[in-house]
Amino acid sequence: MKSATAPEVLDKLLTRWRAALPVRYAPAYVDGFLRRHRALIEALVAGTWTRRRAERGDRPQTAAEFAAYDAIVARERPRDADSDKAILARLMTRIDADLREGYRELMVFNNLGLEYIDTRTEAILLRSVGWDTVPLPLPSPALAVLAADRVIALRDSMGGLAIHPDRRGTLNHLRADLRQAEETIVALRKVLQIEPDTKERLTTYARAMWRRARAAKLHPSTPNN
């Protein structure tokens, strides 16, 4: 289903706001206030909406939507540099929280646990051919690709690759390297034969995948600049 746009969200907010106003505020006064401050209100709502979409892991399209991911990457990069043990501890804490909310076990293990583990595996593999990557443990885990500390591409949880508007047509080699990484993950899964359907098996799977990914080497397609 298509996500609401910032103007649509603003219109809904203003409708609710109008309805909640005390009767002492005349409609003409409210209309005048909105005319004078509409641009500022739109900018505030658009910024908040863009950040919220990024925190969900939604696929970016505009330069502003890509920029919203820069702050998330700045937050997650040092966490990704932690030990595998620390990263898994945080992941299991999130899994426990989702289970307490009543979500089905297999859905949590697959949509959060397995997806993030494979995303981090992908990040490790892409680094072997020079890409600057940061896995993002969002509600829908995503993989950020950076240049000069700015997100230039994002692979979302559905496997789609979004390219920054300024870099479109220049990152075909990234698509090729991503395909290699995905194929390598499938091959590693076949070797490991671990069914990650419990927290313990997820942990075993993650440790094995990350260790093997660090030992594996992709074949670089073309220089990534």
C-alpha atoms as a PDB file:
ATOM      1  CA  MET A   1       0.000   0.000   0.000  1.00  0.00           C
ATOM      2  CA  LYS A   2       1.293   3.458  -0.904  1.00  0.00           C
ATOM      3  CA  SER A   3       2.587   5.529   2.031  1.00  0.00           C
ATOM      4  CA  ALA A   4       1.023   8.899   2.740  1.00  0.00           C
ATOM      5  CA  THR A   5       2.954  11.945   1.569  1.00  0.00           C
ATOM      6  CA  ALA A   6       3.986  14.794   3.860  1.00  0.00           C
ATOM      7  CA  PRO A   7       1.288  17.181   2.455  1.00  0.00           C
ATOM      8  CA  GLU A   8      -1.357  14.489   2.997  1.00  0.00           C
ATOM      9  CA  VAL A   9      -0.185  14.017   6.571  1.00  0.00           C
ATOM     10  CA  LEU A  10      -0.237  17.779   7.111  1.00  0.00           C
ATOM     11  CA  ASP A  11      -3.790  18.078   5.791  1.00  0.00           C
ATOM     12  CA  LYS A  12      -4.940  15.350   8.200  1.00  0.00           C
ATOM     13  CA  LEU A  13      -3.138  16.983  11.115  1.00  0.00           C
ATOM     14  CA  LEU A  14      -4.637  20.386  10.348  1.00  0.00           C
ATOM     15  CA  THR A  15      -8.107  18.895  10.073  1.00  0.00           C
ATOM     16  CA  ARG A  16      -7.771  17.334  13.527  1.00  0.00           C
ATOM     17  CA  TRP A  17      -6.196  20.520  14.886  1.00  0.00           C
ATOM     18  CA  ARG A  18      -9.065  22.654  13.618  1.00  0.00           C
ATOM     19  CA  ALA A  19     -11.598  20.303  15.178  1.00  0.00           C
ATOM     20  CA  ALA A  20      -9.842  20.494  18.558  1.00  0.00           C
ATOM     21  CA  LEU A  21      -9.639  24.305  18.671  1.00  0.00           C
ATOM     22  CA  PRO A  22     -11.846  26.107  21.212  1.00  0.00           C
ATOM     23  CA  VAL A  23     -14.850  27.829  19.670  1.00  0.00           C
ATOM     24  CA  ARG A  24     -13.430  31.253  20.621  1.00  0.00           C
ATOM     25  CA  TYR A  25     -11.060  31.035  17.639  1.00  0.00           C
ATOM     26  CA  ALA A  26     -12.969  32.341  14.638  1.00  0.00           C
ATOM     27  CA  PRO A  27     -12.524  30.438  11.345  1.00  0.00           C
ATOM     28  CA  ALA A  28     -11.218  33.604   9.683  1.00  0.00           C
ATOM     29  CA  TYR A  29      -8.495  33.946  12.324  1.00  0.00           C
ATOM     30  CA  VAL A  30      -7.467  30.295  11.880  1.00  0.00           C
ATOM     31  CA  ASP A  31      -7.386  30.641   8.094  1.00  0.00           C
ATOM     32  CA  GLY A  32      -5.213  33.728   8.368  1.00  0.00           C
ATOM     33  CA  PHE A  33      -2.807  31.984  10.739  1.00  0.00           C
ATOM     34  CA  LEU A  34      -2.444  29.069   8.363  1.00  0.00           C
ATOM     35  CA  ARG A  35      -1.866  31.302   5.354  1.00  0.00           C
ATOM     36  CA  ARG A  36       0.886  33.185   7.166  1.00  0.00           C
ATOM     37  CA  HIS A  37       2.646  30.104   8.541  1.00  0.00           C
ATOM     38  CA  ARG A  38       1.785  27.354   6.045  1.00  0.00           C
ATOM     39  CA  ALA A  39       5.296  27.177   4.565  1.00  0.00           C
ATOM     40  CA  LEU A  40       6.929  26.830   7.993  1.00  0.00           C
ATOM     41  CA  ILE A  41       4.397  24.223   9.129  1.00  0.00           C
ATOM     42  CA  GLU A  42       4.872  22.251   5.900  1.00  0.00           C
ATOM     43  CA  ALA A  43       8.653  22.292   6.330  1.00  0.00           C
ATOM     44  CA  LEU A  44       8.419  21.068   9.930  1.00  0.00           C
ATOM     45  CA  VAL A  45       5.974  18.293   9.064  1.00  0.00           C
ATOM     46  CA  ALA A  46       7.953  17.248   5.986  1.00  0.00           C
ATOM     47  CA  GLY A  47      11.183  17.033   7.993  1.00  0.00           C
ATOM     48  CA  THR A  48       9.566  15.011  10.764  1.00  0.00           C
ATOM     49  CA  TRP A  49       7.812  12.732   8.264  1.00  0.00           C
ATOM     50  CA  THR A  50      11.024  12.152   6.310  1.00  0.00           C
ATOM     51  CA  ARG A  51      12.953  11.230   9.466  1.00  0.00           C
ATOM     52  CA  ARG A  52      10.183   8.913  10.592  1.00  0.00           C
ATOM     53  CA  ARG A  53      10.171   7.100   7.250  1.00  0.00           C
ATOM     54  CA  ALA A  54      13.940   6.647   7.473  1.00  0.00           C
ATOM     55  CA  GLU A  55      13.682   5.249  10.994  1.00  0.00           C
ATOM     56  CA  ARG A  56      11.283   2.626   9.616  1.00  0.00           C
ATOM     57  CA  GLY A  57      13.657   1.668   6.829  1.00  0.00           C
ATOM     58  CA  ASP A  58      11.468   2.971   3.996  1.00  0.00           C
ATOM     59  CA  ARG A  59      13.111   3.256   0.590  1.00  0.00           C
ATOM     60  CA  PRO A  60      14.359   6.822  -0.046  1.00  0.00           C
ATOM     61  CA  GLN A  61      13.866   8.625  -3.352  1.00  0.00           C
ATOM     62  CA  THR A  62      14.696  12.308  -2.917  1.00  0.00           C
ATOM     63  CA  ALA A  63      17.935  13.901  -1.750  1.00  0.00           C
ATOM     64  CA  ALA A  64      16.199  14.928   1.489  1.00  0.00           C
ATOM     65  CA  GLU A  65      15.093  11.339   2.138  1.00  0.00           C
ATOM     66  CA  PHE A  66      18.638  10.076   1.619  1.00  0.00           C
ATOM     67  CA  ALA A  67      19.970  12.809   3.927  1.00  0.00           C
ATOM     68  CA  ALA A  68      17.639  11.568   6.664  1.00  0.00           C
ATOM     69  CA  TYR A  69      19.603   8.320   6.667  1.00  0.00           C
ATOM     70  CA  ASP A  70      22.903  10.111   7.322  1.00  0.00           C
ATOM     71  CA  ALA A  71      21.994  10.694  10.979  1.00  0.00           C
ATOM     72  CA  ILE A  72      20.944   7.061  11.386  1.00  0.00           C
ATOM     73  CA  VAL A  73      24.238   5.874   9.892  1.00  0.00           C
ATOM     74  CA  ALA A  74      26.181   8.184  12.224  1.00  0.00           C
ATOM     75  CA  ARG A  75      24.370   6.543  15.138  1.00  0.00           C
ATOM     76  CA  GLU A  76      24.700   2.952  13.934  1.00  0.00           C
ATOM     77  CA  ARG A  77      28.274   2.937  12.572  1.00  0.00           C
ATOM     78  CA  PRO A  78      29.977   2.835  16.017  1.00  0.00           C
ATOM     79  CA  ARG A  79      27.505   0.201  17.193  1.00  0.00           C
ATOM     80  CA  ASP A  80      28.322  -1.973  14.197  1.00  0.00           C
ATOM     81  CA  ALA A  81      31.996  -1.747  15.203  1.00  0.00           C
ATOM     82  CA  ASP A  82      31.168  -3.497  18.497  1.00  0.00           C
ATOM     83  CA  SER A  83      31.950  -7.160  19.023  1.00  0.00           C
ATOM     84  CA  ASP A  84      29.654  -9.779  17.511  1.00  0.00           C
ATOM     85  CA  LYS A  85      28.696 -10.707  21.079  1.00  0.00           C
ATOM     86  CA  ALA A  86      27.528  -7.165  21.876  1.00  0.00           C
ATOM     87  CA  ILE A  87      25.645  -6.852  18.584  1.00  0.00           C
ATOM     88  CA  LEU A  88      23.865 -10.154  19.131  1.00  0.00           C
ATOM     89  CA  ALA A  89      22.960  -9.152  22.679  1.00  0.00           C
ATOM     90  CA  ARG A  90      21.238  -6.015  21.349  1.00  0.00           C
ATOM     91  CA  LEU A  91      19.496  -8.006  18.628  1.00  0.00           C
ATOM     92  CA  MET A  92      18.168 -10.549  21.118  1.00  0.00           C
ATOM     93  CA  THR A  93      16.921  -7.739  23.359  1.00  0.00           C
ATOM     94  CA  ARG A  94      14.914  -6.376  20.426  1.00  0.00           C
ATOM     95  CA  ILE A  95      13.604  -9.836  19.601  1.00  0.00           C
ATOM     96  CA  ASP A  96      12.494 -10.331  23.215  1.00  0.00           C
ATOM     97  CA  ALA A  97      10.718  -6.957  23.154  1.00  0.00           C
ATOM     98  CA  ASP A  98       8.821  -7.885  19.982  1.00  0.00           C
ATOM     99  CA  LEU A  99       7.851 -11.258  21.432  1.00  0.00           C
ATOM    100  CA  ARG A 100       6.504  -9.550  24.553  1.00  0.00           C
ATOM    101  CA  GLU A 101       4.370  -7.390  22.253  1.00  0.00           C
ATOM    102  CA  GLY A 102       2.699 -10.579  21.070  1.00  0.00           C
ATOM    103  CA  TYR A 103       4.276 -10.987  17.637  1.00  0.00           C
ATOM    104  CA  ARG A 104       4.624 -14.550  16.364  1.00  0.00           C
ATOM    105  CA  GLU A 105       8.031 -16.131  16.992  1.00  0.00           C
ATOM    106  CA  LEU A 106       8.802 -17.166  13.438  1.00  0.00           C
ATOM    107  CA  MET A 107       7.785 -13.760  12.093  1.00  0.00           C
ATOM    108  CA  VAL A 108      10.140 -12.022  14.537  1.00  0.00           C
ATOM    109  CA  PHE A 109      12.977 -14.468  13.876  1.00  0.00           C
ATOM    110  CA  ASN A 110      12.658 -14.025  10.105  1.00  0.00           C
ATOM    111  CA  ASN A 111      11.639 -10.380   9.675  1.00  0.00           C
ATOM    112  CA  LEU A 112      13.932  -8.966  12.332  1.00  0.00           C
ATOM    113  CA  GLY A 113      16.537 -11.528  13.350  1.00  0.00           C
ATOM    114  CA  LEU A 114      17.400 -13.310  10.117  1.00  0.00           C
ATOM    115  CA  GLU A 115      16.966 -10.196   7.975  1.00  0.00           C
ATOM    116  CA  TYR A 116      19.389  -8.175  10.087  1.00  0.00           C
ATOM    117  CA  ILE A 117      21.922 -11.004  10.325  1.00  0.00           C
ATOM    118  CA  ASP A 118      21.950 -11.412   6.548  1.00  0.00           C
ATOM    119  CA  THR A 119      22.111  -7.643   6.060  1.00  0.00           C
ATOM    120  CA  ARG A 120      25.210  -7.450   8.248  1.00  0.00           C
ATOM    121  CA  THR A 121      26.695 -10.407   6.376  1.00  0.00           C
ATOM    122  CA  GLU A 122      26.095  -8.510   3.143  1.00  0.00           C
ATOM    123  CA  ALA A 123      27.814  -5.442   4.601  1.00  0.00           C
ATOM    124  CA  ILE A 124      30.883  -7.469   5.557  1.00  0.00           C
ATOM    125  CA  LEU A 125      31.102  -9.010   2.090  1.00  0.00           C
ATOM    126  CA  LEU A 126      30.782  -5.675   0.298  1.00  0.00           C
ATOM    127  CA  ARG A 127      33.525  -4.177   2.436  1.00  0.00           C
ATOM    128  CA  SER A 128      35.879  -6.806   1.041  1.00  0.00           C
ATOM    129  CA  VAL A 129      35.687  -5.044  -2.335  1.00  0.00           C
ATOM    130  CA  GLY A 130      35.979  -1.531  -0.951  1.00  0.00           C
ATOM    131  CA  TRP A 131      32.426  -0.379  -0.316  1.00  0.00           C
ATOM    132  CA  ASP A 132      31.697   1.656   2.800  1.00  0.00           C
ATOM    133  CA  THR A 133      28.628  -0.073   4.213  1.00  0.00           C
ATOM    134  CA  VAL A 134      26.630   0.110   7.438  1.00  0.00           C
ATOM    135  CA  PRO A 135      23.844  -2.345   8.310  1.00  0.00           C
ATOM    136  CA  LEU A 136      20.881  -0.585   9.899  1.00  0.00           C
ATOM    137  CA  PRO A 137      18.882  -2.552  12.518  1.00  0.00           C
ATOM    138  CA  LEU A 138      15.624  -0.732  11.809  1.00  0.00           C
ATOM    139  CA  PRO A 139      12.116  -2.219  12.061  1.00  0.00           C
ATOM    140  CA  SER A 140      12.772  -3.152   8.424  1.00  0.00           C
ATOM    141  CA  PRO A 141      16.565  -3.763   8.397  1.00  0.00           C
ATOM    142  CA  ALA A 142      18.395  -1.965   5.606  1.00  0.00           C
ATOM    143  CA  LEU A 143      21.910  -1.669   4.213  1.00  0.00           C
ATOM    144  CA  ALA A 144      23.398   1.790   3.685  1.00  0.00           C
ATOM    145  CA  VAL A 145      26.204   2.392   1.198  1.00  0.00           C
ATOM    146  CA  LEU A 146      28.219   5.565   1.704  1.00  0.00           C
ATOM    147  CA  ALA A 147      30.714   7.830  -0.010  1.00  0.00           C
ATOM    148  CA  ALA A 148      32.370  10.663   1.939  1.00  0.00           C
ATOM    149  CA  ASP A 149      30.139   9.798   4.930  1.00  0.00           C
ATOM    150  CA  ARG A 150      26.940  10.390   2.952  1.00  0.00           C
ATOM    151  CA  VAL A 151      24.417   7.714   2.004  1.00  0.00           C
ATOM    152  CA  ILE A 152      24.523   7.229  -1.759  1.00  0.00           C
ATOM    153  CA  ALA A 153      22.495   4.012  -1.919  1.00  0.00           C
ATOM    154  CA  LEU A 154      20.200   1.972   0.293  1.00  0.00           C
ATOM    155  CA  ARG A 155      19.193  -1.660  -0.081  1.00  0.00           C
ATOM    156  CA  ASP A 156      15.891  -2.102   1.740  1.00  0.00           C
ATOM    157  CA  SER A 157      14.426  -5.184   3.384  1.00  0.00           C
ATOM    158  CA  MET A 158      12.524  -6.064   0.200  1.00  0.00           C
ATOM    159  CA  GLY A 159      15.785  -6.298  -1.737  1.00  0.00           C
ATOM    160  CA  GLY A 160      15.223  -3.080  -3.674  1.00  0.00           C
ATOM    161  CA  LEU A 161      18.191  -0.789  -4.252  1.00  0.00           C
ATOM    162  CA  ALA A 162      17.616   2.965  -4.104  1.00  0.00           C
ATOM    163  CA  ILE A 163      20.298   5.210  -5.586  1.00  0.00           C
ATOM    164  CA  HIS A 164      20.808   8.831  -4.569  1.00  0.00           C
ATOM    165  CA  PRO A 165      19.519  11.195  -7.299  1.00  0.00           C
ATOM    166  CA  ASP A 166      23.021  12.607  -7.756  1.00  0.00           C
ATOM    167  CA  ARG A 167      24.503   9.149  -8.339  1.00  0.00           C
ATOM    168  CA  ARG A 168      21.936   7.516 -10.585  1.00  0.00           C
ATOM    169  CA  GLY A 169      23.510   5.897 -13.612  1.00  0.00           C
ATOM    170  CA  THR A 170      26.922   5.706 -11.919  1.00  0.00           C
ATOM    171  CA  LEU A 171      26.585   2.711  -9.584  1.00  0.00           C
ATOM    172  CA  ASN A 172      25.942  -0.261 -11.851  1.00  0.00           C
ATOM    173  CA  HIS A 173      29.003  -1.930 -10.332  1.00  0.00           C
ATOM    174  CA  LEU A 174      27.278  -1.760  -6.928  1.00  0.00           C
ATOM    175  CA  ARG A 175      24.380  -3.782  -8.297  1.00  0.00           C
ATOM    176  CA  ALA A 176      26.826  -6.387  -9.584  1.00  0.00           C
ATOM    177  CA  ASP A 177      28.623  -6.578  -6.239  1.00  0.00           C
ATOM    178  CA  LEU A 178      25.314  -6.849  -4.394  1.00  0.00           C
ATOM    179  CA  ARG A 179      24.337  -9.796  -6.583  1.00  0.00           C
ATOM    180  CA  GLN A 180      27.629 -11.452  -5.708  1.00  0.00           C
ATOM    181  CA  ALA A 181      27.030 -10.858  -2.007  1.00  0.00           C
ATOM    182  CA  GLU A 182      23.506 -12.289  -2.211  1.00  0.00           C
ATOM    183  CA  GLU A 183      24.746 -15.359  -4.062  1.00  0.00           C
ATOM    184  CA  THR A 184      27.503 -15.837  -1.489  1.00  0.00           C
ATOM    185  CA  ILE A 185      24.980 -15.676   1.358  1.00  0.00           C
ATOM    186  CA  VAL A 186      22.841 -18.336  -0.315  1.00  0.00           C
ATOM    187  CA  ALA A 187      25.932 -20.542  -0.746  1.00  0.00           C
ATOM    188  CA  LEU A 188      26.943 -20.073   2.890  1.00  0.00           C
ATOM    189  CA  ARG A 189      23.474 -21.019   4.050  1.00  0.00           C
ATOM    190  CA  LYS A 190      23.669 -24.271   2.107  1.00  0.00           C
ATOM    191  CA  VAL A 191      27.002 -25.105   3.706  1.00  0.00           C
ATOM    192  CA  LEU A 192      25.895 -24.247   7.246  1.00  0.00           C
ATOM    193  CA  GLN A 193      22.462 -25.935   7.076  1.00  0.00           C
ATOM    194  CA  ILE A 194      21.287 -24.123  10.215  1.00  0.00           C
ATOM    195  CA  GLU A 195      17.553 -23.527  10.506  1.00  0.00           C
ATOM    196  CA  PRO A 196      17.352 -20.221  12.444  1.00  0.00           C
ATOM    197  CA  ASP A 197      13.977 -20.924  14.067  1.00  0.00           C
ATOM    198  CA  THR A 198      15.006 -20.341  17.696  1.00  0.00           C
ATOM    199  CA  LYS A 199      17.038 -17.649  19.432  1.00  0.00           C
ATOM    200  CA  GLU A 200      19.847 -20.116  20.043  1.00  0.00           C
ATOM    201  CA  ARG A 201      19.986 -21.171  16.384  1.00  0.00           C
ATOM    202  CA  LEU A 202      19.803 -17.566  15.253  1.00  0.00           C
ATOM    203  CA  THR A 203      22.841 -16.822  17.410  1.00  0.00           C
ATOM    204  CA  THR A 204      24.736 -19.814  16.033  1.00  0.00           C
ATOM    205  CA  TYR A 205      23.759 -18.853  12.484  1.00  0.00           C
ATOM    206  CA  ALA A 206      24.882 -15.238  12.941  1.00  0.00           C
ATOM    207  CA  ARG A 207      28.278 -16.117  14.365  1.00  0.00           C
ATOM    208  CA  ALA A 208      28.941 -18.640  11.622  1.00  0.00           C
ATOM    209  CA  MET A 209      27.792 -16.351   8.812  1.00  0.00           C
ATOM    210  CA  TRP A 210      29.804 -13.347   9.998  1.00  0.00           C
ATOM    211  CA  ARG A 211      32.929 -15.434  10.538  1.00  0.00           C
ATOM    212  CA  ARG A 212      32.713 -16.996   7.094  1.00  0.00           C
ATOM    213  CA  ALA A 213      31.868 -13.667   5.442  1.00  0.00           C
ATOM    214  CA  ARG A 214      35.065 -12.156   6.850  1.00  0.00           C
ATOM    215  CA  ALA A 215      37.039 -15.012   5.338  1.00  0.00           C
ATOM    216  CA  ALA A 216      35.277 -14.807   1.967  1.00  0.00           C
ATOM    217  CA  LYS A 217      36.282 -12.468  -0.846  1.00  0.00           C
ATOM    218  CA  LEU A 218      34.070 -11.059  -3.555  1.00  0.00           C
ATOM    219  CA  HIS A 219      35.440 -10.323  -7.010  1.00  0.00           C
ATOM    220  CA  PRO A 220      35.246  -6.543  -7.527  1.00  0.00           C
ATOM    221  CA  SER A 221      33.443  -5.468 -10.691  1.00  0.00           C
ATOM    222  CA  THR A 222      34.697  -1.933 -11.359  1.00  0.00           C
ATOM    223  CA  PRO A 223      36.181   0.784  -9.133  1.00  0.00           C
ATOM    224  CA  ASN A 224      33.567   2.120  -6.723  1.00  0.00           C
ATOM    225  CA  ASN A 225      33.921   5.884  -6.942  1.00  0.00           C
END
